[in-house]
Protein backbone atom coordinates (compact mmCIF):
# COMPACT_ATOMS: atom_id res chain seq x y z
CA MET A 1 0.00 0.00 0.00
CA ARG A 2 1.39 3.37 -1.00
CA THR A 3 1.17 6.59 0.98
CA LEU A 4 1.67 10.11 -0.35
CA ALA A 5 2.93 12.49 2.36
CA ILE A 6 2.64 16.25 1.88
CA GLU A 7 4.32 18.92 4.03
CA THR A 8 3.76 22.60 3.23
CA ALA A 9 3.25 24.17 6.66
CA THR A 10 6.71 25.76 6.80
CA ALA A 11 9.18 27.38 4.41
CA ALA A 12 9.84 23.91 3.01
CA CYS A 13 7.74 22.24 0.35
CA SER A 14 8.15 18.52 0.83
CA VAL A 15 6.52 15.41 -0.64
CA ALA A 16 7.27 11.73 -0.32
CA LEU A 17 5.89 8.47 -1.69
CA LEU A 18 6.10 5.62 0.79
CA GLU A 19 5.48 1.89 0.80
CA GLY A 20 5.10 1.04 4.44
CA ALA A 21 8.24 2.38 6.11
CA ARG A 22 10.20 2.44 2.84
CA VAL A 23 10.73 5.73 1.05
CA VAL A 24 10.04 5.13 -2.66
CA ALA A 25 10.88 8.72 -3.58
CA GLU A 26 10.92 12.16 -2.02
CA ILE A 27 11.41 15.80 -3.02
CA HIS A 28 12.23 18.41 -0.40
CA GLU A 29 12.82 22.06 -1.27
CA VAL A 30 12.92 25.29 0.72
CA VAL A 31 10.61 27.55 -1.28
CA GLY A 32 9.63 30.25 1.20
CA ARG A 33 6.21 31.33 -0.02
CA GLY A 34 6.13 29.40 -3.29
CA HIS A 35 4.11 26.36 -2.18
CA ALA A 36 1.11 27.02 -4.42
CA GLU A 37 3.28 27.09 -7.54
CA ARG A 38 5.57 24.20 -6.64
CA LEU A 39 3.52 21.56 -4.82
CA ILE A 40 1.55 19.93 -7.66
CA PRO A 41 4.56 19.81 -10.03
CA MET A 42 6.58 18.19 -7.24
CA ILE A 43 3.94 15.50 -6.73
CA ALA A 44 3.83 14.92 -10.49
CA GLU A 45 7.59 14.28 -10.47
CA LEU A 46 7.16 11.30 -8.13
CA PRO A 47 6.79 7.75 -9.53
CA ASP A 48 3.29 7.17 -10.97
CA ARG A 49 2.75 10.93 -10.55
CA GLY A 50 2.50 10.37 -6.81
CA ARG A 51 -0.63 8.22 -6.97
CA ALA A 52 -1.23 6.54 -3.62
CA ASP A 53 -3.77 4.58 -1.60
CA ILE A 54 -3.60 6.96 1.37
CA ILE A 55 -2.70 10.65 1.59
CA LEU A 56 -1.16 12.19 4.71
CA VAL A 57 -0.91 15.96 4.95
CA ASP A 58 0.68 18.37 7.43
CA CYS A 59 -2.13 20.32 9.10
CA GLY A 60 0.17 22.72 10.94
CA PRO A 61 0.89 24.69 12.93
CA GLY A 62 2.87 26.90 10.59
CA SER A 63 2.16 29.24 7.72
CA PHE A 64 -1.57 29.85 7.32
CA THR A 65 -1.19 29.93 3.54
CA GLY A 66 1.10 26.90 3.39
CA VAL A 67 -1.25 24.82 5.52
CA ARG A 68 -4.20 25.67 3.28
CA VAL A 69 -2.25 24.90 0.10
CA GLY A 70 -1.31 21.45 1.35
CA LEU A 71 -4.80 20.63 2.58
CA ALA A 72 -6.45 21.77 -0.64
CA ALA A 73 -4.11 19.62 -2.75
CA ALA A 74 -4.53 16.59 -0.48
CA ARG A 75 -8.31 16.82 -0.53
CA ALA A 76 -8.42 17.25 -4.32
CA LEU A 77 -6.14 14.27 -4.91
CA GLY A 78 -8.08 12.21 -2.38
CA LEU A 79 -11.28 12.81 -4.33
CA ALA A 80 -9.63 12.05 -7.66
CA TRP A 81 -7.96 8.85 -6.43
CA HIS A 82 -10.72 7.76 -4.03
CA ALA A 83 -8.05 7.76 -1.33
CA PRO A 84 -8.59 8.64 2.35
CA VAL A 85 -6.89 11.81 3.58
CA HIS A 86 -5.51 12.09 7.11
CA GLY A 87 -3.49 14.74 8.89
CA PHE A 88 -0.43 15.04 11.09
CA SER A 89 1.24 17.85 13.03
CA SER A 90 4.35 19.66 11.87
CA LEU A 91 5.69 19.71 15.44
CA ALA A 92 5.13 15.98 15.91
CA LEU A 93 6.90 15.36 12.59
CA LEU A 94 9.98 17.26 13.80
CA ALA A 95 9.97 15.51 17.16
CA GLY A 96 9.40 12.07 15.66
CA TYR A 97 12.48 12.47 13.50
CA ALA A 98 14.68 13.68 16.35
CA LEU A 99 13.49 11.10 18.89
CA ALA A 100 13.97 8.20 16.46
CA ASP A 101 17.71 8.54 17.05
CA ASP A 102 18.95 5.96 19.56
CA GLU A 103 21.04 8.67 21.23
CA ALA A 104 18.16 11.14 21.52
CA PRO A 105 17.14 12.40 24.97
CA ASP A 106 13.99 11.15 26.65
CA MET A 107 12.26 14.47 26.02
CA LEU A 108 12.63 17.49 23.77
CA ALA A 109 10.78 20.53 22.53
CA ALA A 110 9.83 21.25 18.93
CA ALA A 111 9.62 24.92 17.98
CA LEU A 112 8.61 26.55 14.70
CA THR A 113 8.65 30.21 13.76
CA GLY A 114 5.16 31.68 14.03
CA GLY A 115 3.73 35.13 13.50
CA HIS A 116 3.92 38.40 15.43
CA GLY A 117 7.24 37.50 17.02
CA GLU A 118 5.93 34.27 18.49
CA ILE A 119 6.97 30.64 18.05
CA PHE A 120 4.87 27.48 18.04
CA VAL A 121 6.17 25.18 20.76
CA GLN A 122 5.28 21.71 21.99
CA ARG A 123 7.12 19.18 24.15
CA PHE A 124 7.39 15.49 23.24
CA ALA A 125 8.67 12.38 24.99
CA ALA A 126 10.16 9.16 23.63
CA ARG A 127 9.76 5.47 24.48
CA PRO A 128 6.88 5.53 23.76
CA PHE A 129 6.60 8.58 21.55
CA ARG A 130 3.96 10.88 22.97
CA GLU A 131 2.99 14.50 23.58
CA ALA A 132 4.41 15.81 26.85
CA GLY A 133 2.65 19.16 26.76
CA ALA A 134 0.09 21.19 24.86
CA LEU A 135 0.77 23.22 21.73
CA ALA A 136 1.37 26.90 22.46
CA SER A 137 2.03 30.02 20.39
CA ILE A 138 4.22 32.14 22.61
CA THR A 139 7.12 34.62 22.54
CA PRO A 140 10.63 33.18 22.83
CA ASP A 141 10.95 34.83 26.25
CA GLY A 142 7.72 33.21 27.40
CA ALA A 143 8.81 29.85 26.05
CA ALA A 144 12.17 30.23 27.79
CA ARG A 145 10.35 30.42 31.13
CA GLU A 146 8.15 27.38 30.43
CA VAL A 147 10.30 24.96 28.42
CA ALA A 148 13.25 23.40 30.24
CA ASP A 149 14.16 20.65 27.76
CA ARG A 150 17.83 20.86 26.77
CA LEU A 151 17.24 19.95 23.11
CA VAL A 152 15.01 22.14 20.96
CA ILE A 153 14.47 21.30 17.30
CA GLY A 154 12.90 23.37 14.53
CA SER A 155 13.07 26.77 12.87
CA GLY A 156 12.23 28.46 16.16
CA ALA A 157 14.83 26.55 18.17
CA GLU A 158 17.57 29.18 18.12
CA SER A 159 15.32 32.00 19.33
CA LEU A 160 14.09 29.89 22.26
CA VAL A 161 17.56 28.72 23.28
CA MET A 162 18.99 32.24 22.95
CA ALA A 163 16.21 33.65 25.13
CA ARG A 164 16.84 30.96 27.73
CA GLY A 165 20.62 31.21 27.58
CA SER A 166 21.16 27.46 27.67
CA GLY A 167 20.47 24.25 25.80
CA GLU A 168 21.03 22.93 22.30
CA ALA A 169 19.22 24.34 19.27
CA ARG A 170 18.90 22.26 16.10
CA PRO A 171 17.37 24.44 13.36
CA SER A 172 15.33 22.23 11.06
CA LEU A 173 12.27 22.16 8.83
CA PRO A 174 9.84 19.22 8.69
CA ARG A 175 10.43 16.61 5.97
CA ALA A 176 7.48 14.70 4.50
CA ALA A 177 9.37 11.39 4.35
CA ASP A 178 9.77 11.41 8.14
CA VAL A 179 6.07 10.72 8.57
CA ARG A 180 7.05 7.04 8.47
CA LEU A 181 8.65 7.53 11.90
CA LEU A 182 5.41 8.59 13.58
CA PRO A 183 3.13 6.16 15.44
CA ALA A 184 -0.24 5.57 13.77
CA ALA A 185 -2.03 7.68 16.39
CA PHE A 186 -0.13 10.73 15.11
CA THR A 187 -1.00 10.21 11.43
CA GLY A 188 -4.75 9.82 11.77
CA LEU A 189 -5.74 13.39 12.55
CA ALA A 190 -8.65 15.04 10.77
CA ALA A 191 -7.50 16.85 7.62
CA THR A 192 -8.27 20.29 9.05
CA PRO A 193 -5.93 23.17 9.91
CA ILE A 194 -4.05 23.32 13.20
CA TYR A 195 -3.45 27.06 13.34
CA GLY A 196 -2.03 27.14 16.86
CA ARG A 197 -3.33 30.63 17.60
CA ALA A 198 -6.34 32.81 16.94
CA PRO A 199 -6.69 34.39 13.47
CA ASP A 200 -5.38 37.92 12.96
CA ALA A 201 -8.66 39.15 11.46
CA LYS A 202 -11.27 40.30 13.96
CA PRO A 203 -15.04 40.20 13.32
CA ALA A 204 -16.66 43.57 12.71
CA ALA A 205 -18.34 45.13 15.73
């Protein structure tokens, strides 16, 4: 059974075709804001034009636009291929990759750059892989007071570690192929956005 994984919630645009835990093919590019133009051509470059039995898509948190681009493509392909579409979290994807290392610590924090000077942060534990805290959108200074884990991974890692004055930062962007490292419970989310914070737009009075 083949799985198409799509990750567009960050500055990276990443797709992978998997057979079980085997990576058949993957394409990973840092595109900034070019997801809408690049995603479908990237999928078309995969074997069999990316056709799969199941589609997994990053629901966020991350870029509002990137999240919507990935979800729209996943839903459209799911309809065309009669394939179920499920979601996963960008923070869990980062943590799953880092904690799969035999030398990884028992716990870490995943942090991604958010908006308005904030970062998206969530703590995860290994053996078994699980959430160790709730998702938060918070300033680096606020995160420094609440997150004590030595290792922080993600695009927001350096700002958190600098604000705290200690720890190890590993700047990284999620990679679609790493979805194979996540337990099934983390790849069966509803295919709806995880924004991580309230929208900027306010309803009219």
